[in-house]
Amino acid sequence: MSAALLVIGDVVTDVVARHRGPLATGTDTAASIRTLPGGAGANVACWAAHWGNPDVRLLGRVGADAAAWHGRELTAAGVRPHLVVDADAPTGTVICLVDAGASAERTFLTDSGASLRLAPDDWSDALLDGVARLHLSGYLFFSGPSRALAAVALDAARSRGVPVSLDPASAGFLTESGVDTFLAFAEGLDVLLPSRDEACLLTGLPDPEDAAAKLSRQVPLVVAKQGAQGALVAASGAVRARIPAVPVSPRDTTGAGDAFTGAFLAALLAGAEPEEAAEQGCRAGALAVTTVGGRPPVRTP
């Protein structure tokens, strides 16, 4: 039986606009537009539940405008939501512009709203009761209050012997907030799950294998996600496995990294070795890019 996973991170509303070809500046561009539940932290939790973990919990902060909807969506996905309702800020919103061509690449316009207003007062050590692993979304590091909450949660987890993983989440925001600040926090982690670009940014190295190996001298286990190139598993200063991607025709790459992380953590908690867990992550990432939005496909009865 898998043990409980607690995820702390962002819960946002995604507005996904799939268009074909370049945007027509100053006029209309035809697109297919859907409003969906999202957020890196919430997506990871949903994918972990979808991948078989029976006890996934999520701490996040939302506005009163969409709290009930997000709570229902998380519960339907098999996640136990602990949502703090912000009386002053609306739920975060992300506009996802997805090129509907062969690459299905996406560009995000992000209004973090309530999601980055998580603060130490929203934390209780009781949230760790029965938890075997804590996962932090990197978006927590992009505001003072949520960064302070992440530090409190990390200290509480370490005092209980609960391993902690972190997904850096955004190379763009990492550049703004400062690599050194992030790396100082990373000293307390057990697992780091950067994308290829994030690993290179954090180390200043152009080669993702070199970057993953360097990061693994600071964090015991580093799993660098490489999209269509699969994933790298690094430990003790060396890459020890190269996991191939599962080839698919992508529709929307939104949430592919979150899917990888959720499935990877579910597999670890079920007893898999890191290499096997990374294979599961690649399978989930492949499934994610064949669906629109960042959440798993809805299971029909």
Protein backbone atom coordinates (compact mmCIF):
# COMPACT_ATOMS: atom_id res chain seq x y z
CA MET A 1 0.00 0.00 0.00
CA SER A 2 1.38 3.41 -0.96
CA ALA A 3 1.81 5.93 1.86
CA ALA A 4 0.42 9.45 1.91
CA LEU A 5 1.82 12.27 -0.20
CA LEU A 6 1.37 15.91 0.81
CA VAL A 7 1.79 18.49 -1.96
CA ILE A 8 2.04 22.20 -1.21
CA GLY A 9 1.62 24.50 -4.15
CA ASP A 10 -0.40 26.57 -6.54
CA VAL A 11 -4.03 26.06 -7.50
CA VAL A 12 -5.02 28.19 -10.47
CA THR A 13 -7.59 28.47 -13.22
CA ASP A 14 -6.14 27.77 -16.67
CA VAL A 15 -7.57 29.42 -19.76
CA VAL A 16 -6.14 27.29 -22.58
CA ALA A 17 -6.20 28.85 -26.05
CA ARG A 18 -5.06 26.48 -28.82
CA HIS A 19 -4.19 28.34 -32.03
CA ARG A 20 -2.46 27.25 -35.22
CA GLY A 21 0.45 29.26 -36.54
CA PRO A 22 1.71 32.64 -35.33
CA LEU A 23 -0.49 35.04 -33.41
CA ALA A 24 -1.85 37.86 -35.60
CA THR A 25 -0.78 41.01 -33.74
CA GLY A 26 -3.39 43.76 -33.67
CA THR A 27 -6.27 41.63 -34.93
CA ASP A 28 -8.00 38.28 -34.42
CA THR A 29 -6.46 34.83 -34.29
CA ALA A 30 -8.86 31.88 -34.39
CA ALA A 31 -8.45 29.58 -31.39
CA SER A 32 -10.15 26.83 -29.43
CA ILE A 33 -10.50 28.10 -25.85
CA ARG A 34 -11.29 26.12 -22.68
CA THR A 35 -11.31 27.01 -18.99
CA LEU A 36 -9.80 24.22 -16.89
CA PRO A 37 -8.48 23.64 -13.36
CA GLY A 38 -4.70 23.87 -13.14
CA GLY A 39 -1.69 24.96 -11.16
CA ALA A 40 1.61 23.07 -10.99
CA GLY A 41 1.10 21.90 -7.41
CA ALA A 42 -2.49 20.86 -7.98
CA ASN A 43 -1.59 19.10 -11.22
CA VAL A 44 1.16 17.08 -9.52
CA ALA A 45 -1.28 15.99 -6.80
CA CYS A 46 -3.90 14.92 -9.36
CA TRP A 47 -1.39 12.95 -11.42
CA ALA A 48 -0.06 11.20 -8.31
CA ALA A 49 -3.60 10.14 -7.45
CA HIS A 50 -4.26 9.12 -11.06
CA TRP A 51 -1.10 7.00 -10.99
CA GLY A 52 -2.39 4.97 -8.09
CA ASN A 53 -1.51 6.72 -4.84
CA PRO A 54 -4.61 6.35 -2.65
CA ASP A 55 -3.83 9.19 -0.22
CA VAL A 56 -2.76 12.43 -1.88
CA ARG A 57 -3.29 15.70 -0.03
CA LEU A 58 -2.89 19.25 -1.28
CA LEU A 59 -2.39 22.52 0.59
CA GLY A 60 -3.08 25.57 -1.55
CA ARG A 61 -4.68 29.01 -1.46
CA VAL A 62 -7.52 30.18 -3.69
CA GLY A 63 -9.90 33.10 -3.90
CA ALA A 64 -13.52 32.89 -2.86
CA ASP A 65 -14.47 33.29 -6.54
CA ALA A 66 -13.51 29.72 -7.47
CA ALA A 67 -12.84 27.89 -4.19
CA ALA A 68 -15.85 25.57 -4.42
CA TRP A 69 -15.14 24.62 -8.04
CA HIS A 70 -11.49 23.86 -7.39
CA GLY A 71 -12.39 21.83 -4.31
CA ARG A 72 -14.83 19.71 -6.31
CA GLU A 73 -12.35 19.18 -9.16
CA LEU A 74 -9.58 18.08 -6.80
CA THR A 75 -11.86 15.73 -4.90
CA ALA A 76 -13.12 14.21 -8.15
CA ALA A 77 -9.49 13.60 -9.14
CA GLY A 78 -8.87 11.64 -5.94
CA VAL A 79 -7.06 14.41 -4.02
CA ARG A 80 -7.89 15.53 -0.47
CA PRO A 81 -7.85 19.34 -0.75
CA HIS A 82 -6.83 21.63 2.11
CA LEU A 83 -7.68 24.94 0.48
CA VAL A 84 -7.22 28.24 2.28
CA VAL A 85 -9.78 30.74 0.98
CA ASP A 86 -8.32 34.21 0.51
CA ALA A 87 -10.76 37.00 1.34
CA ASP A 88 -8.83 39.65 -0.59
CA ALA A 89 -7.24 38.10 -3.67
CA PRO A 90 -8.88 36.16 -6.51
CA THR A 91 -7.83 32.70 -7.57
CA GLY A 92 -4.70 32.71 -9.71
CA THR A 93 -5.25 32.60 -13.46
CA VAL A 94 -2.93 31.43 -16.23
CA ILE A 95 -3.52 32.10 -19.91
CA CYS A 96 -1.98 29.16 -21.79
CA LEU A 97 -1.29 29.96 -25.43
CA VAL A 98 -0.74 26.63 -27.18
CA ASP A 99 0.50 26.39 -30.75
CA ALA A 100 -1.67 23.65 -32.24
CA GLY A 101 1.08 22.74 -34.71
CA ALA A 102 3.38 19.73 -34.48
CA SER A 103 5.29 20.88 -31.38
CA ALA A 104 2.22 21.88 -29.33
CA GLU A 105 4.49 24.31 -27.47
CA ARG A 106 2.89 26.62 -24.94
CA THR A 107 3.44 30.12 -23.58
CA PHE A 108 2.06 31.20 -20.22
CA LEU A 109 0.70 34.54 -19.06
CA THR A 110 0.46 34.24 -15.28
CA ASP A 111 -1.51 36.16 -12.67
CA SER A 112 -0.66 34.24 -9.50
CA GLY A 113 -3.44 35.85 -7.44
CA ALA A 114 -4.12 34.08 -4.15
CA SER A 115 -1.79 31.15 -4.88
CA LEU A 116 1.37 33.03 -3.86
CA ARG A 117 -0.26 34.42 -0.72
CA LEU A 118 0.15 31.13 1.13
CA ALA A 119 1.95 32.03 4.35
CA PRO A 120 3.29 30.38 7.53
CA ASP A 121 -0.05 31.04 9.26
CA ASP A 122 -1.64 28.62 6.77
CA TRP A 123 0.60 25.81 7.99
CA SER A 124 -0.08 23.25 10.71
CA ASP A 125 2.29 20.43 11.62
CA ALA A 126 -0.81 18.21 11.73
CA LEU A 127 -0.80 18.32 7.92
CA LEU A 128 2.15 15.91 8.07
CA ASP A 129 0.31 13.31 10.14
CA GLY A 130 0.59 10.00 8.29
CA VAL A 131 2.56 11.58 5.43
CA ALA A 132 5.48 9.64 3.95
CA ARG A 133 6.66 12.30 1.49
CA LEU A 134 6.29 16.08 1.10
CA HIS A 135 6.43 17.73 -2.31
CA LEU A 136 6.85 21.47 -2.84
CA SER A 137 5.94 23.33 -6.01
CA GLY A 138 8.65 25.74 -7.12
CA TYR A 139 6.09 28.49 -7.54
CA LEU A 140 6.17 28.84 -3.74
CA PHE A 141 9.56 30.52 -4.09
CA PHE A 142 8.33 33.44 -6.13
CA SER A 143 6.85 35.46 -3.25
CA GLY A 144 8.03 36.22 0.27
CA PRO A 145 5.05 34.75 2.18
CA SER A 146 4.89 31.45 0.27
CA ARG A 147 8.68 31.09 0.39
CA ALA A 148 8.49 31.46 4.18
CA LEU A 149 5.77 28.80 4.29
CA ALA A 150 7.96 26.45 2.25
CA ALA A 151 10.78 26.90 4.76
CA VAL A 152 8.46 26.16 7.70
CA ALA A 153 7.09 23.04 5.99
CA LEU A 154 10.59 21.83 5.09
CA ASP A 155 11.78 22.21 8.69
CA ALA A 156 8.71 20.39 10.00
CA ALA A 157 9.17 17.54 7.52
CA ARG A 158 12.86 17.14 8.32
CA SER A 159 12.13 17.05 12.04
CA ARG A 160 9.83 14.08 11.38
CA GLY A 161 12.17 12.35 8.95
CA VAL A 162 9.81 12.94 6.01
CA PRO A 163 11.71 13.23 2.69
CA VAL A 164 11.06 16.37 0.65
CA SER A 165 11.02 16.83 -3.13
CA LEU A 166 10.84 20.03 -5.14
CA ASP A 167 10.08 20.93 -8.74
CA PRO A 168 11.58 24.36 -9.62
CA ALA A 169 8.56 25.04 -11.89
CA SER A 170 9.67 28.04 -13.97
CA ALA A 171 13.01 29.05 -15.47
CA GLY A 172 11.60 32.52 -16.12
CA PHE A 173 10.56 33.13 -12.53
CA LEU A 174 13.79 31.53 -11.24
CA THR A 175 15.77 34.15 -13.14
CA GLU A 176 13.72 36.93 -11.54
CA SER A 177 13.82 35.60 -7.98
CA GLY A 178 17.50 34.60 -7.99
CA VAL A 179 19.27 31.29 -8.47
CA ASP A 180 21.35 31.65 -5.30
CA THR A 181 18.26 31.97 -3.10
CA PHE A 182 16.81 28.83 -4.60
CA LEU A 183 20.02 26.82 -4.28
CA ALA A 184 20.39 27.80 -0.62
CA PHE A 185 16.96 26.30 0.06
CA ALA A 186 17.80 23.20 -1.96
CA GLU A 187 20.37 22.17 0.65
CA GLY A 188 17.53 20.61 2.67
CA LEU A 189 15.95 18.60 -0.13
CA ASP A 190 16.03 14.87 -0.86
CA VAL A 191 14.85 15.01 -4.49
CA LEU A 192 15.03 17.79 -7.10
CA LEU A 193 13.00 17.52 -10.32
CA PRO A 194 14.06 20.32 -12.67
CA SER A 195 13.36 20.65 -16.36
CA ARG A 196 16.32 20.69 -18.72
CA ASP A 197 16.26 24.51 -18.88
CA GLU A 198 15.94 24.84 -15.11
CA ALA A 199 18.86 22.47 -14.47
CA CYS A 200 21.07 24.43 -16.84
CA LEU A 201 20.00 27.75 -15.32
CA LEU A 202 20.65 26.57 -11.77
CA THR A 203 24.18 25.42 -12.62
CA GLY A 204 25.25 27.75 -15.40
CA LEU A 205 26.17 24.70 -17.48
CA PRO A 206 24.91 24.32 -21.08
CA ASP A 207 24.79 20.53 -21.12
CA PRO A 208 21.84 19.01 -19.22
CA GLU A 209 23.80 15.89 -18.22
CA ASP A 210 26.56 18.00 -16.71
CA ALA A 211 23.93 20.15 -15.00
CA ALA A 212 22.07 17.18 -13.50
CA ALA A 213 25.33 15.65 -12.29
CA LYS A 214 26.41 18.91 -10.63
CA LEU A 215 23.07 19.40 -8.92
CA SER A 216 23.27 15.85 -7.54
CA ARG A 217 26.32 16.85 -5.53
CA GLN A 218 24.01 19.17 -3.58
CA VAL A 219 20.74 17.20 -3.59
CA PRO A 220 20.95 13.39 -3.13
CA LEU A 221 18.70 12.56 -6.09
CA VAL A 222 18.18 14.74 -9.18
CA VAL A 223 15.77 13.78 -11.95
CA ALA A 224 16.03 16.17 -14.89
CA LYS A 225 13.00 16.17 -17.18
CA GLN A 226 13.84 16.59 -20.86
CA GLY A 227 10.51 16.40 -22.64
CA ALA A 228 10.83 14.46 -25.89
CA GLN A 229 14.36 13.42 -24.84
CA GLY A 230 13.10 11.60 -21.75
CA ALA A 231 14.75 12.08 -18.36
CA LEU A 232 18.10 11.87 -16.57
CA VAL A 233 18.55 10.30 -13.15
CA ALA A 234 21.62 11.61 -11.29
CA ALA A 235 23.09 10.89 -7.86
CA SER A 236 26.42 11.49 -6.10
CA GLY A 237 27.70 13.74 -8.87
CA ALA A 238 27.02 11.43 -11.83
CA VAL A 239 24.21 10.58 -14.23
CA ARG A 240 23.31 6.97 -13.52
CA ALA A 241 20.40 6.45 -15.93
CA ARG A 242 19.03 7.94 -19.13
CA ILE A 243 15.32 7.19 -19.45
CA PRO A 244 13.85 7.40 -22.96
CA ALA A 245 10.63 9.25 -23.63
CA VAL A 246 7.50 7.49 -24.84
CA PRO A 247 6.91 8.71 -28.42
CA VAL A 248 3.51 10.32 -29.00
CA SER A 249 1.94 13.03 -31.17
CA PRO A 250 1.41 15.97 -28.78
CA ARG A 251 -1.76 18.07 -28.63
CA ASP A 252 -0.87 20.29 -25.65
CA THR A 253 2.34 20.16 -23.60
CA THR A 254 0.78 22.04 -20.67
CA GLY A 255 1.37 20.11 -17.45
CA ALA A 256 3.63 17.42 -18.94
CA GLY A 257 6.31 18.07 -16.34
CA ASP A 258 3.70 18.02 -13.57
CA ALA A 259 2.45 14.66 -14.85
CA PHE A 260 5.99 13.29 -14.77
CA THR A 261 6.49 14.51 -11.21
CA GLY A 262 3.17 13.16 -9.94
CA ALA A 263 3.69 9.71 -11.42
CA PHE A 264 7.33 9.63 -10.33
CA LEU A 265 6.39 10.37 -6.71
CA ALA A 266 3.52 7.87 -6.74
CA ALA A 267 5.90 5.19 -8.00
CA LEU A 268 8.53 6.03 -5.37
CA LEU A 269 5.93 5.77 -2.63
CA ALA A 270 4.85 2.41 -4.01
CA GLY A 271 8.41 1.13 -3.61
CA ALA A 272 9.93 1.69 -7.04
CA GLU A 273 13.60 2.48 -7.52
CA PRO A 274 14.30 5.98 -8.98
CA GLU A 275 14.99 4.63 -12.48
CA GLU A 276 11.70 2.72 -12.56
CA ALA A 277 9.87 5.72 -11.11
CA ALA A 278 11.35 7.92 -13.86
CA GLU A 279 10.06 5.45 -16.47
CA GLN A 280 6.60 5.85 -14.94
CA GLY A 281 7.07 9.62 -15.09
CA CYS A 282 7.87 9.45 -18.80
CA ARG A 283 4.73 7.38 -19.39
CA ALA A 284 2.61 9.95 -17.57
CA GLY A 285 4.23 12.84 -19.45
CA ALA A 286 3.43 11.13 -22.74
CA LEU A 287 -0.19 10.70 -21.69
CA ALA A 288 -0.37 14.33 -20.58
CA VAL A 289 0.66 15.80 -23.92
CA THR A 290 -2.11 13.92 -25.72
CA THR A 291 -4.78 15.73 -23.67
CA VAL A 292 -5.69 19.42 -23.40
CA GLY A 293 -4.85 21.04 -20.05
CA GLY A 294 -2.58 20.02 -17.20
CA ARG A 295 -4.70 17.41 -15.43
CA PRO A 296 -5.11 13.66 -16.06
CA PRO A 297 -7.93 12.48 -18.30
CA VAL A 298 -11.14 11.91 -16.41
CA ARG A 299 -11.79 8.26 -15.69
CA THR A 300 -15.23 7.13 -16.78
CA PRO A 301 -17.14 4.69 -14.55
